[in-house]
């Protein structure tokens, strides 16, 4: 089973669930990712969290089953580096890094280790 490092925009509660369970769950049989570190800021649009007044992207280490294909995803409004994985099963995942942006154009903060959960538990 190949292990990949991927980027994913998500709300804080979803990220906390990934940390707690060690799994990333599909929504409607799909999970969307970015592959290139230089392109992760485009994923902030998917991690907008009004309860915390911030936008989140995580870097994950994900176990991608051989039976699953991670395919490029092109759609109007989607980032250039959008990839879709079709699955109905959760995948093993480890959150490696958290990127936080308070509002579009503001500086991006980075958290690792226990700082990730500490940051996500703070509400507006």
PDB file of N, CA and C in Angstrom:
ATOM      1  N   UNK A   1       0.846  -1.171   0.000  1.00  0.00           N
ATOM      2  CA  UNK A   1       0.000   0.000   0.000  1.00  0.00           C
ATOM      3  C   UNK A   1       0.898   1.243   0.000  1.00  0.00           C
ATOM      4  N   UNK A   2       0.851   2.022  -1.078  1.00  0.00           N
ATOM      5  CA  UNK A   2       1.712   3.209  -1.150  1.00  0.00           C
ATOM      6  C   UNK A   2       1.313   4.282  -0.137  1.00  0.00           C
ATOM      7  N   UNK A   3       2.318   4.900   0.433  1.00  0.00           N
ATOM      8  CA  UNK A   3       2.097   6.017   1.350  1.00  0.00           C
ATOM      9  C   UNK A   3       2.471   7.292   0.613  1.00  0.00           C
ATOM     10  N   UNK A   4       1.565   8.274   0.673  1.00  0.00           N
ATOM     11  CA  UNK A   4       1.802   9.547  -0.011  1.00  0.00           C
ATOM     12  C   UNK A   4       1.624  10.697   0.966  1.00  0.00           C
ATOM     13  N   UNK A   5       2.371  11.754   0.729  1.00  0.00           N
ATOM     14  CA  UNK A   5       2.183  12.991   1.482  1.00  0.00           C
ATOM     15  C   UNK A   5       1.360  13.918   0.606  1.00  0.00           C
ATOM     16  N   UNK A   6       0.193  14.310   1.128  1.00  0.00           N
ATOM     17  CA  UNK A   6      -0.785  15.073   0.364  1.00  0.00           C
ATOM     18  C   UNK A   6      -1.310  16.227   1.207  1.00  0.00           C
ATOM     19  N   UNK A   7      -1.971  17.179   0.553  1.00  0.00           N
ATOM     20  CA  UNK A   7      -2.538  18.360   1.205  1.00  0.00           C
ATOM     21  C   UNK A   7      -4.051  18.314   1.080  1.00  0.00           C
ATOM     22  N   UNK A   8      -4.742  18.804   2.129  1.00  0.00           N
ATOM     23  CA  UNK A   8      -6.199  18.710   2.167  1.00  0.00           C
ATOM     24  C   UNK A   8      -6.751  19.907   2.927  1.00  0.00           C
ATOM     25  N   UNK A   9      -7.698  20.614   2.336  1.00  0.00           N
ATOM     26  CA  UNK A   9      -8.378  21.709   3.013  1.00  0.00           C
ATOM     27  C   UNK A   9      -9.571  21.171   3.782  1.00  0.00           C
ATOM     28  N   UNK A  10      -9.695  21.519   5.061  1.00  0.00           N
ATOM     29  CA  UNK A  10     -10.783  20.990   5.884  1.00  0.00           C
ATOM     30  C   UNK A  10     -11.054  21.906   7.065  1.00  0.00           C
ATOM     31  N   UNK A  11     -12.280  21.825   7.582  1.00  0.00           N
ATOM     32  CA  UNK A  11     -12.633  22.561   8.792  1.00  0.00           C
ATOM     33  C   UNK A  11     -11.927  21.943   9.996  1.00  0.00           C
ATOM     34  N   UNK A  12     -11.814  22.712  11.047  1.00  0.00           N
ATOM     35  CA  UNK A  12     -11.075  22.287  12.240  1.00  0.00           C
ATOM     36  C   UNK A  12     -11.599  20.990  12.840  1.00  0.00           C
ATOM     37  N   UNK A  13     -12.921  20.839  12.954  1.00  0.00           N
ATOM     38  CA  UNK A  13     -13.459  19.626  13.575  1.00  0.00           C
ATOM     39  C   UNK A  13     -13.114  18.384  12.760  1.00  0.00           C
ATOM     40  N   UNK A  14     -13.103  18.493  11.447  1.00  0.00           N
ATOM     41  CA  UNK A  14     -12.703  17.358  10.610  1.00  0.00           C
ATOM     42  C   UNK A  14     -11.229  17.018  10.849  1.00  0.00           C
ATOM     43  N   UNK A  15     -10.396  18.037  10.953  1.00  0.00           N
ATOM     44  CA  UNK A  15      -8.965  17.805  11.199  1.00  0.00           C
ATOM     45  C   UNK A  15      -8.756  17.148  12.566  1.00  0.00           C
ATOM     46  N   UNK A  16      -9.475  17.630  13.575  1.00  0.00           N
ATOM     47  CA  UNK A  16      -9.366  17.020  14.912  1.00  0.00           C
ATOM     48  C   UNK A  16      -9.801  15.553  14.877  1.00  0.00           C
ATOM     49  N   UNK A  17     -10.812  15.235  14.093  1.00  0.00           N
ATOM     50  CA  UNK A  17     -11.257  13.854  13.941  1.00  0.00           C
ATOM     51  C   UNK A  17     -10.170  12.998  13.292  1.00  0.00           C
ATOM     52  N   UNK A  18      -9.504  13.534  12.282  1.00  0.00           N
ATOM     53  CA  UNK A  18      -8.411  12.802  11.629  1.00  0.00           C
ATOM     54  C   UNK A  18      -7.296  12.528  12.635  1.00  0.00           C
ATOM     55  N   UNK A  19      -6.963  13.529  13.450  1.00  0.00           N
ATOM     56  CA  UNK A  19      -5.918  13.357  14.466  1.00  0.00           C
ATOM     57  C   UNK A  19      -6.328  12.268  15.462  1.00  0.00           C
ATOM     58  N   UNK A  20      -7.559  12.332  15.958  1.00  0.00           N
ATOM     59  CA  UNK A  20      -8.039  11.400  16.979  1.00  0.00           C
ATOM     60  C   UNK A  20      -8.146   9.966  16.447  1.00  0.00           C
ATOM     61  N   UNK A  21      -8.725   9.796  15.261  1.00  0.00           N
ATOM     62  CA  UNK A  21      -8.998   8.464  14.725  1.00  0.00           C
ATOM     63  C   UNK A  21      -7.861   7.893  13.879  1.00  0.00           C
ATOM     64  N   UNK A  22      -7.014   8.784  13.356  1.00  0.00           N
ATOM     65  CA  UNK A  22      -5.972   8.319  12.446  1.00  0.00           C
ATOM     66  C   UNK A  22      -6.534   7.928  11.096  1.00  0.00           C
ATOM     67  N   UNK A  23      -7.707   8.482  10.755  1.00  0.00           N
ATOM     68  CA  UNK A  23      -8.386   8.161   9.502  1.00  0.00           C
ATOM     69  C   UNK A  23      -8.919   9.422   8.846  1.00  0.00           C
ATOM     70  N   UNK A  24      -8.877   9.464   7.527  1.00  0.00           N
ATOM     71  CA  UNK A  24      -9.563  10.505   6.774  1.00  0.00           C
ATOM     72  C   UNK A  24     -10.736   9.823   6.079  1.00  0.00           C
ATOM     73  N   UNK A  25     -11.910  10.417   6.233  1.00  0.00           N
ATOM     74  CA  UNK A  25     -13.142   9.801   5.731  1.00  0.00           C
ATOM     75  C   UNK A  25     -13.604  10.480   4.443  1.00  0.00           C
ATOM     76  N   UNK A  26     -14.096   9.677   3.501  1.00  0.00           N
ATOM     77  CA  UNK A  26     -14.617  10.257   2.262  1.00  0.00           C
ATOM     78  C   UNK A  26     -15.973  10.918   2.490  1.00  0.00           C
ATOM     79  N   UNK A  27     -16.298  11.867   1.642  1.00  0.00           N
ATOM     80  CA  UNK A  27     -17.615  12.503   1.612  1.00  0.00           C
ATOM     81  C   UNK A  27     -18.200  12.188   0.244  1.00  0.00           C
ATOM     82  N   UNK A  28     -19.301  11.475   0.234  1.00  0.00           N
ATOM     83  CA  UNK A  28     -19.915  11.109  -1.045  1.00  0.00           C
ATOM     84  C   UNK A  28     -19.029  10.221  -1.899  1.00  0.00           C
ATOM     85  N   UNK A  29     -18.198   9.404  -1.254  1.00  0.00           N
ATOM     86  CA  UNK A  29     -17.342   8.475  -1.985  1.00  0.00           C
ATOM     87  C   UNK A  29     -16.095   9.102  -2.589  1.00  0.00           C
ATOM     88  N   UNK A  30     -15.756  10.317  -2.124  1.00  0.00           N
ATOM     89  CA  UNK A  30     -14.592  11.020  -2.696  1.00  0.00           C
ATOM     90  C   UNK A  30     -13.810  11.757  -1.609  1.00  0.00           C
ATOM     91  N   UNK A  31     -12.510  11.876  -1.848  1.00  0.00           N
ATOM     92  CA  UNK A  31     -11.642  12.717  -1.023  1.00  0.00           C
ATOM     93  C   UNK A  31     -10.781  13.516  -1.993  1.00  0.00           C
ATOM     94  N   UNK A  32     -10.680  14.814  -1.761  1.00  0.00           N
ATOM     95  CA  UNK A  32      -9.890  15.680  -2.646  1.00  0.00           C
ATOM     96  C   UNK A  32      -8.590  16.082  -1.960  1.00  0.00           C
ATOM     97  N   UNK A  33      -7.540  16.131  -2.743  1.00  0.00           N
ATOM     98  CA  UNK A  33      -6.216  16.457  -2.233  1.00  0.00           C
ATOM     99  C   UNK A  33      -5.493  17.390  -3.194  1.00  0.00           C
ATOM    100  N   UNK A  34      -4.384  17.940  -2.709  1.00  0.00           N
ATOM    101  CA  UNK A  34      -3.370  18.589  -3.528  1.00  0.00           C
ATOM    102  C   UNK A  34      -2.081  17.812  -3.301  1.00  0.00           C
ATOM    103  N   UNK A  35      -1.230  17.784  -4.314  1.00  0.00           N
ATOM    104  CA  UNK A  35       0.026  17.037  -4.191  1.00  0.00           C
ATOM    105  C   UNK A  35       1.245  17.937  -3.997  1.00  0.00           C
ATOM    106  N   UNK A  36       1.205  19.127  -4.542  1.00  0.00           N
ATOM    107  CA  UNK A  36       2.397  19.974  -4.556  1.00  0.00           C
ATOM    108  C   UNK A  36       2.372  20.975  -3.408  1.00  0.00           C
ATOM    109  N   UNK A  37       3.458  20.999  -2.639  1.00  0.00           N
ATOM    110  CA  UNK A  37       3.528  21.932  -1.516  1.00  0.00           C
ATOM    111  C   UNK A  37       3.364  23.379  -1.976  1.00  0.00           C
ATOM    112  N   UNK A  38       3.916  23.699  -3.116  1.00  0.00           N
ATOM    113  CA  UNK A  38       3.836  25.083  -3.604  1.00  0.00           C
ATOM    114  C   UNK A  38       2.400  25.502  -3.948  1.00  0.00           C
ATOM    115  N   UNK A  39       1.498  24.552  -4.087  1.00  0.00           N
ATOM    116  CA  UNK A  39       0.124  24.848  -4.487  1.00  0.00           C
ATOM    117  C   UNK A  39      -0.894  24.765  -3.344  1.00  0.00           C
ATOM    118  N   UNK A  40      -0.454  24.399  -2.119  1.00  0.00           N
ATOM    119  CA  UNK A  40      -1.417  24.200  -1.041  1.00  0.00           C
ATOM    120  C   UNK A  40      -2.255  25.433  -0.709  1.00  0.00           C
ATOM    121  N   UNK A  41      -1.769  26.687  -0.887  1.00  0.00           N
ATOM    122  CA  UNK A  41      -2.633  27.821  -0.545  1.00  0.00           C
ATOM    123  C   UNK A  41      -3.965  27.842  -1.309  1.00  0.00           C
ATOM    124  N   UNK A  42      -4.015  27.239  -2.479  1.00  0.00           N
ATOM    125  CA  UNK A  42      -5.269  27.192  -3.238  1.00  0.00           C
ATOM    126  C   UNK A  42      -6.320  26.333  -2.533  1.00  0.00           C
ATOM    127  N   UNK A  43      -5.904  25.505  -1.593  1.00  0.00           N
ATOM    128  CA  UNK A  43      -6.831  24.616  -0.884  1.00  0.00           C
ATOM    129  C   UNK A  43      -7.512  25.284   0.308  1.00  0.00           C
ATOM    130  N   UNK A  44      -7.095  26.493   0.669  1.00  0.00           N
ATOM    131  CA  UNK A  44      -7.722  27.190   1.793  1.00  0.00           C
ATOM    132  C   UNK A  44      -9.222  27.379   1.567  1.00  0.00           C
ATOM    133  N   UNK A  45      -9.651  27.494   0.323  1.00  0.00           N
ATOM    134  CA  UNK A  45     -11.079  27.684   0.044  1.00  0.00           C
ATOM    135  C   UNK A  45     -11.925  26.519   0.570  1.00  0.00           C
ATOM    136  N   UNK A  46     -11.323  25.346   0.725  1.00  0.00           N
ATOM    137  CA  UNK A  46     -12.047  24.169   1.207  1.00  0.00           C
ATOM    138  C   UNK A  46     -11.933  23.993   2.715  1.00  0.00           C
ATOM    139  N   UNK A  47     -11.145  24.813   3.357  1.00  0.00           N
ATOM    140  CA  UNK A  47     -10.956  24.699   4.804  1.00  0.00           C
ATOM    141  C   UNK A  47     -11.467  25.891   5.571  1.00  0.00           C
ATOM    142  N   UNK A  48     -12.408  26.644   4.986  1.00  0.00           N
ATOM    143  CA  UNK A  48     -12.962  27.806   5.679  1.00  0.00           C
ATOM    144  C   UNK A  48     -13.803  27.345   6.864  1.00  0.00           C
ATOM    145  N   UNK A  49     -13.530  27.903   8.033  1.00  0.00           N
ATOM    146  CA  UNK A  49     -14.201  27.489   9.265  1.00  0.00           C
ATOM    147  C   UNK A  49     -14.679  28.740   9.990  1.00  0.00           C
ATOM    148  N   UNK A  50     -15.964  29.054   9.851  1.00  0.00           N
ATOM    149  CA  UNK A  50     -16.498  30.290  10.437  1.00  0.00           C
ATOM    150  C   UNK A  50     -16.498  30.251  11.961  1.00  0.00           C
ATOM    151  N   UNK A  51     -16.595  29.070  12.567  1.00  0.00           N
ATOM    152  CA  UNK A  51     -16.612  29.002  14.033  1.00  0.00           C
ATOM    153  C   UNK A  51     -15.263  29.387  14.635  1.00  0.00           C
ATOM    154  N   UNK A  52     -14.210  29.298  13.837  1.00  0.00           N
ATOM    155  CA  UNK A  52     -12.878  29.652  14.327  1.00  0.00           C
ATOM    156  C   UNK A  52     -12.304  30.880  13.615  1.00  0.00           C
ATOM    157  N   UNK A  53     -13.037  31.404  12.661  1.00  0.00           N
ATOM    158  CA  UNK A  53     -12.612  32.614  11.971  1.00  0.00           C
ATOM    159  C   UNK A  53     -11.296  32.444  11.227  1.00  0.00           C
ATOM    160  N   UNK A  54     -11.096  31.252  10.644  1.00  0.00           N
ATOM    161  CA  UNK A  54      -9.841  30.976   9.940  1.00  0.00           C
ATOM    162  C   UNK A  54     -10.090  29.938   8.849  1.00  0.00           C
ATOM    163  N   UNK A  55      -9.056  29.742   8.050  1.00  0.00           N
ATOM    164  CA  UNK A  55      -9.087  28.738   6.983  1.00  0.00           C
ATOM    165  C   UNK A  55      -7.916  27.794   7.212  1.00  0.00           C
ATOM    166  N   UNK A  56      -8.141  26.498   6.975  1.00  0.00           N
ATOM    167  CA  UNK A  56      -7.151  25.484   7.314  1.00  0.00           C
ATOM    168  C   UNK A  56      -6.813  24.569   6.143  1.00  0.00           C
ATOM    169  N   UNK A  57      -5.545  24.224   6.057  1.00  0.00           N
ATOM    170  CA  UNK A  57      -5.047  23.184   5.147  1.00  0.00           C
ATOM    171  C   UNK A  57      -4.100  22.320   5.967  1.00  0.00           C
ATOM    172  N   UNK A  58      -4.154  21.009   5.738  1.00  0.00           N
ATOM    173  CA  UNK A  58      -3.249  20.102   6.437  1.00  0.00           C
ATOM    174  C   UNK A  58      -2.390  19.333   5.445  1.00  0.00           C
ATOM    175  N   UNK A  59      -1.194  19.037   5.893  1.00  0.00           N
ATOM    176  CA  UNK A  59      -0.324  18.116   5.168  1.00  0.00           C
ATOM    177  C   UNK A  59      -0.486  16.771   5.856  1.00  0.00           C
ATOM    178  N   UNK A  60      -0.795  15.751   5.081  1.00  0.00           N
ATOM    179  CA  UNK A  60      -1.079  14.424   5.604  1.00  0.00           C
ATOM    180  C   UNK A  60      -0.123  13.388   5.043  1.00  0.00           C
ATOM    181  N   UNK A  61       0.098  12.362   5.810  1.00  0.00           N
ATOM    182  CA  UNK A  61       0.721  11.131   5.303  1.00  0.00           C
ATOM    183  C   UNK A  61      -0.433  10.139   5.203  1.00  0.00           C
ATOM    184  N   UNK A  62      -0.756   9.725   3.981  1.00  0.00           N
ATOM    185  CA  UNK A  62      -1.945   8.914   3.723  1.00  0.00           C
ATOM    186  C   UNK A  62      -1.557   7.575   3.114  1.00  0.00           C
ATOM    187  N   UNK A  63      -2.165   6.502   3.625  1.00  0.00           N
ATOM    188  CA  UNK A  63      -2.016   5.180   3.018  1.00  0.00           C
ATOM    189  C   UNK A  63      -3.092   5.040   1.945  1.00  0.00           C
ATOM    190  N   UNK A  64      -2.666   4.995   0.690  1.00  0.00           N
ATOM    191  CA  UNK A  64      -3.595   4.890  -0.435  1.00  0.00           C
ATOM    192  C   UNK A  64      -3.602   3.437  -0.918  1.00  0.00           C
ATOM    193  N   UNK A  65      -4.724   2.735  -0.758  1.00  0.00           N
ATOM    194  CA  UNK A  65      -4.779   1.339  -1.194  1.00  0.00           C
ATOM    195  C   UNK A  65      -4.493   1.205  -2.692  1.00  0.00           C
ATOM    196  N   UNK A  66      -3.882   0.089  -3.046  1.00  0.00           N
ATOM    197  CA  UNK A  66      -3.563  -0.160  -4.454  1.00  0.00           C
ATOM    198  C   UNK A  66      -4.803  -0.097  -5.339  1.00  0.00           C
ATOM    199  N   UNK A  67      -5.954  -0.469  -4.801  1.00  0.00           N
ATOM    200  CA  UNK A  67      -7.195  -0.492  -5.579  1.00  0.00           C
ATOM    201  C   UNK A  67      -7.757   0.909  -5.841  1.00  0.00           C
ATOM    202  N   UNK A  68      -7.238   1.919  -5.172  1.00  0.00           N
ATOM    203  CA  UNK A  68      -7.733   3.291  -5.341  1.00  0.00           C
ATOM    204  C   UNK A  68      -6.824   4.070  -6.277  1.00  0.00           C
ATOM    205  N   UNK A  69      -7.437   4.812  -7.164  1.00  0.00           N
ATOM    206  CA  UNK A  69      -6.670   5.661  -8.075  1.00  0.00           C
ATOM    207  C   UNK A  69      -6.817   7.115  -7.669  1.00  0.00           C
ATOM    208  N   UNK A  70      -5.699   7.763  -7.482  1.00  0.00           N
ATOM    209  CA  UNK A  70      -5.675   9.198  -7.224  1.00  0.00           C
ATOM    210  C   UNK A  70      -5.510   9.856  -8.581  1.00  0.00           C
ATOM    211  N   UNK A  71      -6.563  10.545  -9.038  1.00  0.00           N
ATOM    212  CA  UNK A  71      -6.585  11.099 -10.404  1.00  0.00           C
ATOM    213  C   UNK A  71      -6.656  12.622 -10.387  1.00  0.00           C
ATOM    214  N   UNK A  72      -6.044  13.248 -11.391  1.00  0.00           N
ATOM    215  CA  UNK A  72      -6.184  14.705 -11.504  1.00  0.00           C
ATOM    216  C   UNK A  72      -7.666  15.063 -11.664  1.00  0.00           C
ATOM    217  N   UNK A  73      -8.048  16.182 -11.095  1.00  0.00           N
ATOM    218  CA  UNK A  73      -9.439  16.614 -11.130  1.00  0.00           C
ATOM    219  C   UNK A  73      -9.491  18.021 -11.699  1.00  0.00           C
ATOM    220  N   UNK A  74     -10.124  18.170 -12.826  1.00  0.00           N
ATOM    221  CA  UNK A  74     -10.245  19.482 -13.462  1.00  0.00           C
ATOM    222  C   UNK A  74     -11.712  19.900 -13.491  1.00  0.00           C
ATOM    223  N   UNK A  75     -11.991  21.053 -12.904  1.00  0.00           N
ATOM    224  CA  UNK A  75     -13.334  21.609 -12.900  1.00  0.00           C
ATOM    225  C   UNK A  75     -13.191  23.110 -12.705  1.00  0.00           C
ATOM    226  N   UNK A  76     -14.087  23.877 -13.280  1.00  0.00           N
ATOM    227  CA  UNK A  76     -14.046  25.326 -13.110  1.00  0.00           C
ATOM    228  C   UNK A  76     -14.058  25.657 -11.619  1.00  0.00           C
ATOM    229  N   UNK A  77     -13.110  26.466 -11.181  1.00  0.00           N
ATOM    230  CA  UNK A  77     -13.008  26.870  -9.781  1.00  0.00           C
ATOM    231  C   UNK A  77     -12.121  25.976  -8.932  1.00  0.00           C
ATOM    232  N   UNK A  78     -11.790  24.790  -9.451  1.00  0.00           N
ATOM    233  CA  UNK A  78     -10.909  23.887  -8.695  1.00  0.00           C
ATOM    234  C   UNK A  78      -9.462  24.342  -8.868  1.00  0.00           C
ATOM    235  N   UNK A  79      -8.632  24.145  -7.855  1.00  0.00           N
ATOM    236  CA  UNK A  79      -7.209  24.484  -7.987  1.00  0.00           C
ATOM    237  C   UNK A  79      -6.548  23.667  -9.097  1.00  0.00           C
ATOM    238  N   UNK A  80      -5.468  24.220  -9.656  1.00  0.00           N
ATOM    239  CA  UNK A  80      -4.723  23.497 -10.698  1.00  0.00           C
ATOM    240  C   UNK A  80      -4.206  22.156 -10.181  1.00  0.00           C
ATOM    241  N   UNK A  81      -3.856  22.106  -8.930  1.00  0.00           N
ATOM    242  CA  UNK A  81      -3.280  20.901  -8.335  1.00  0.00           C
ATOM    243  C   UNK A  81      -4.352  20.127  -7.566  1.00  0.00           C
ATOM    244  N   UNK A  82      -5.504  19.900  -8.195  1.00  0.00           N
ATOM    245  CA  UNK A  82      -6.587  19.158  -7.544  1.00  0.00           C
ATOM    246  C   UNK A  82      -6.551  17.699  -7.984  1.00  0.00           C
ATOM    247  N   UNK A  83      -6.651  16.820  -6.981  1.00  0.00           N
ATOM    248  CA  UNK A  83      -6.645  15.381  -7.224  1.00  0.00           C
ATOM    249  C   UNK A  83      -7.813  14.777  -6.475  1.00  0.00           C
ATOM    250  N   UNK A  84      -8.451  13.790  -7.082  1.00  0.00           N
ATOM    251  CA  UNK A  84      -9.613  13.144  -6.479  1.00  0.00           C
ATOM    252  C   UNK A  84      -9.325  11.657  -6.296  1.00  0.00           C
ATOM    253  N   UNK A  85      -9.682  11.174  -5.115  1.00  0.00           N
ATOM    254  CA  UNK A  85      -9.569   9.755  -4.824  1.00  0.00           C
ATOM    255  C   UNK A  85     -10.984   9.248  -4.559  1.00  0.00           C
ATOM    256  N   UNK A  86     -11.402   8.251  -5.324  1.00  0.00           N
ATOM    257  CA  UNK A  86     -12.737   7.681  -5.139  1.00  0.00           C
ATOM    258  C   UNK A  86     -12.635   6.460  -4.236  1.00  0.00           C
ATOM    259  N   UNK A  87     -13.337   6.520  -3.120  1.00  0.00           N
ATOM    260  CA  UNK A  87     -13.367   5.415  -2.165  1.00  0.00           C
ATOM    261  C   UNK A  87     -14.566   5.599  -1.244  1.00  0.00           C
ATOM    262  N   UNK A  88     -15.082   4.510  -0.752  1.00  0.00           N
ATOM    263  CA  UNK A  88     -16.136   4.563   0.258  1.00  0.00           C
ATOM    264  C   UNK A  88     -15.595   4.207   1.638  1.00  0.00           C
ATOM    265  N   UNK A  89     -14.328   3.860   1.690  1.00  0.00           N
ATOM    266  CA  UNK A  89     -13.691   3.457   2.946  1.00  0.00           C
ATOM    267  C   UNK A  89     -12.779   4.552   3.470  1.00  0.00           C
ATOM    268  N   UNK A  90     -12.701   4.714   4.792  1.00  0.00           N
ATOM    269  CA  UNK A  90     -11.733   5.653   5.359  1.00  0.00           C
ATOM    270  C   UNK A  90     -10.306   5.173   5.076  1.00  0.00           C
ATOM    271  N   UNK A  91      -9.385   6.099   5.009  1.00  0.00           N
ATOM    272  CA  UNK A  91      -7.982   5.783   4.765  1.00  0.00           C
ATOM    273  C   UNK A  91      -7.163   6.158   5.994  1.00  0.00           C
ATOM    274  N   UNK A  92      -6.150   5.353   6.299  1.00  0.00           N
ATOM    275  CA  UNK A  92      -5.243   5.696   7.389  1.00  0.00           C
ATOM    276  C   UNK A  92      -4.512   6.977   7.019  1.00  0.00           C
ATOM    277  N   UNK A  93      -4.457   7.896   7.977  1.00  0.00           N
ATOM    278  CA  UNK A  93      -3.826   9.186   7.718  1.00  0.00           C
ATOM    279  C   UNK A  93      -3.230   9.752   9.003  1.00  0.00           C
ATOM    280  N   UNK A  94      -2.145  10.457   8.827  1.00  0.00           N
ATOM    281  CA  UNK A  94      -1.474  11.133   9.939  1.00  0.00           C
ATOM    282  C   UNK A  94      -1.300  12.595   9.550  1.00  0.00           C
ATOM    283  N   UNK A  95      -1.733  13.498  10.426  1.00  0.00           N
ATOM    284  CA  UNK A  95      -1.574  14.924  10.177  1.00  0.00           C
ATOM    285  C   UNK A  95      -0.144  15.315  10.528  1.00  0.00           C
ATOM    286  N   UNK A  96       0.576  15.826   9.549  1.00  0.00           N
ATOM    287  CA  UNK A  96       1.979  16.204   9.743  1.00  0.00           C
ATOM    288  C   UNK A  96       2.154  17.693  10.041  1.00  0.00           C
ATOM    289  N   UNK A  97       1.312  18.513   9.404  1.00  0.00           N
ATOM    290  CA  UNK A  97       1.479  19.966   9.533  1.00  0.00           C
ATOM    291  C   UNK A  97       0.124  20.629   9.303  1.00  0.00           C
ATOM    292  N   UNK A  98      -0.089  21.743   9.966  1.00  0.00           N
ATOM    293  CA  UNK A  98      -1.298  22.543   9.820  1.00  0.00           C
ATOM    294  C   UNK A  98      -0.912  23.932   9.324  1.00  0.00           C
ATOM    295  N   UNK A  99      -1.611  24.393   8.303  1.00  0.00           N
ATOM    296  CA  UNK A  99      -1.431  25.742   7.775  1.00  0.00           C
ATOM    297  C   UNK A  99      -2.715  26.506   8.077  1.00  0.00           C
ATOM    298  N   UNK A 100      -2.589  27.700   8.653  1.00  0.00           N
ATOM    299  CA  UNK A 100      -3.737  28.499   9.069  1.00  0.00           C
ATOM    300  C   UNK A 100      -3.626  29.886   8.462  1.00  0.00           C
ATOM    301  N   UNK A 101      -4.751  30.348   7.921  1.00  0.00           N
ATOM    302  CA  UNK A 101      -4.815  31.713   7.402  1.00  0.00           C
ATOM    303  C   UNK A 101      -6.080  32.353   7.974  1.00  0.00           C
ATOM    304  N   UNK A 102      -5.930  33.507   8.635  1.00  0.00           N
ATOM    305  CA  UNK A 102      -7.067  34.157   9.278  1.00  0.00           C
ATOM    306  C   UNK A 102      -8.062  34.714   8.271  1.00  0.00           C
ATOM    307  N   UNK A 103      -7.561  35.278   7.174  1.00  0.00           N
ATOM    308  CA  UNK A 103      -8.428  35.766   6.101  1.00  0.00           C
ATOM    309  C   UNK A 103      -7.604  35.792   4.815  1.00  0.00           C
ATOM    310  N   UNK A 104      -8.264  35.784   3.668  1.00  0.00           N
ATOM    311  CA  UNK A 104      -7.514  35.783   2.407  1.00  0.00           C
ATOM    312  C   UNK A 104      -6.489  36.920   2.356  1.00  0.00           C
ATOM    313  N   UNK A 105      -5.285  36.575   1.970  1.00  0.00           N
ATOM    314  CA  UNK A 105      -4.219  37.564   1.849  1.00  0.00           C
ATOM    315  C   UNK A 105      -3.411  37.785   3.113  1.00  0.00           C
ATOM    316  N   UNK A 106      -3.893  37.284   4.256  1.00  0.00           N
ATOM    317  CA  UNK A 106      -3.141  37.466   5.507  1.00  0.00           C
ATOM    318  C   UNK A 106      -2.012  36.435   5.566  1.00  0.00           C
ATOM    319  N   UNK A 107      -1.025  36.661   6.442  1.00  0.00           N
ATOM    320  CA  UNK A 107       0.080  35.709   6.553  1.00  0.00           C
ATOM    321  C   UNK A 107      -0.404  34.320   6.958  1.00  0.00           C
ATOM    322  N   UNK A 108       0.310  33.320   6.523  1.00  0.00           N
ATOM    323  CA  UNK A 108      -0.012  31.933   6.839  1.00  0.00           C
ATOM    324  C   UNK A 108       0.835  31.488   8.023  1.00  0.00           C
ATOM    325  N   UNK A 109       0.180  30.929   9.033  1.00  0.00           N
ATOM    326  CA  UNK A 109       0.870  30.368  10.192  1.00  0.00           C
ATOM    327  C   UNK A 109       0.986  28.861  10.000  1.00  0.00           C
ATOM    328  N   UNK A 110       2.059  28.280  10.508  1.00  0.00           N
ATOM    329  CA  UNK A 110       2.295  26.844  10.395  1.00  0.00           C
ATOM    330  C   UNK A 110       2.453  26.249  11.786  1.00  0.00           C
ATOM    331  N   UNK A 111       1.810  25.092  12.002  1.00  0.00           N
ATOM    332  CA  UNK A 111       1.886  24.394  13.286  1.00  0.00           C
ATOM    333  C   UNK A 111       2.246  22.937  13.038  1.00  0.00           C
ATOM    334  N   UNK A 112       3.009  22.368  13.968  1.00  0.00           N
ATOM    335  CA  UNK A 112       3.369  20.951  13.908  1.00  0.00           C
ATOM    336  C   UNK A 112       3.212  20.354  15.297  1.00  0.00           C
ATOM    337  N   UNK A 113       3.185  19.034  15.369  1.00  0.00           N
ATOM    338  CA  UNK A 113       3.116  18.336  16.652  1.00  0.00           C
ATOM    339  C   UNK A 113       1.896  18.718  17.456  1.00  0.00           C
ATOM    340  N   UNK A 114       2.072  18.887  18.773  1.00  0.00           N
ATOM    341  CA  UNK A 114       0.939  19.189  19.654  1.00  0.00           C
ATOM    342  C   UNK A 114       0.358  20.572  19.378  1.00  0.00           C
ATOM    343  N   UNK A 115       1.103  21.429  18.713  1.00  0.00           N
ATOM    344  CA  UNK A 115       0.605  22.760  18.361  1.00  0.00           C
ATOM    345  C   UNK A 115      -0.578  22.715  17.415  1.00  0.00           C
ATOM    346  N   UNK A 116      -0.716  21.627  16.665  1.00  0.00           N
ATOM    347  CA  UNK A 116      -1.831  21.493  15.721  1.00  0.00           C
ATOM    348  C   UNK A 116      -3.152  21.441  16.485  1.00  0.00           C
ATOM    349  N   UNK A 117      -3.288  20.494  17.388  1.00  0.00           N
ATOM    350  CA  UNK A 117      -4.538  20.350  18.141  1.00  0.00           C
ATOM    351  C   UNK A 117      -4.791  21.579  19.004  1.00  0.00           C
ATOM    352  N   UNK A 118      -3.749  22.134  19.619  1.00  0.00           N
ATOM    353  CA  UNK A 118      -3.915  23.333  20.450  1.00  0.00           C
ATOM    354  C   UNK A 118      -4.527  24.464  19.638  1.00  0.00           C
ATOM    355  N   UNK A 119      -4.044  24.655  18.432  1.00  0.00           N
ATOM    356  CA  UNK A 119      -4.548  25.719  17.563  1.00  0.00           C
ATOM    357  C   UNK A 119      -6.002  25.477  17.190  1.00  0.00           C
ATOM    358  N   UNK A 120      -6.348  24.241  16.877  1.00  0.00           N
ATOM    359  CA  UNK A 120      -7.694  23.914  16.406  1.00  0.00           C
ATOM    360  C   UNK A 120      -8.749  23.975  17.501  1.00  0.00           C
ATOM    361  N   UNK A 121      -8.357  23.827  18.735  1.00  0.00           N
ATOM    362  CA  UNK A 121      -9.321  23.877  19.835  1.00  0.00           C
ATOM    363  C   UNK A 121      -9.761  25.304  20.164  1.00  0.00           C
ATOM    364  N   UNK A 122      -9.039  26.286  19.644  1.00  0.00           N
ATOM    365  CA  UNK A 122      -9.385  27.685  19.912  1.00  0.00           C
ATOM    366  C   UNK A 122     -10.534  28.108  18.993  1.00  0.00           C
ATOM    367  N   UNK A 123     -11.603  28.583  19.594  1.00  0.00           N
ATOM    368  CA  UNK A 123     -12.723  29.103  18.801  1.00  0.00           C
ATOM    369  C   UNK A 123     -12.718  30.616  18.858  1.00  0.00           C
ATOM    370  N   UNK A 124     -13.416  31.199  17.920  1.00  0.00           N
ATOM    371  CA  UNK A 124     -13.514  32.655  17.812  1.00  0.00           C
ATOM    372  C   UNK A 124     -14.035  33.279  19.070  1.00  0.00           C
TER     373      UNK A 124
END
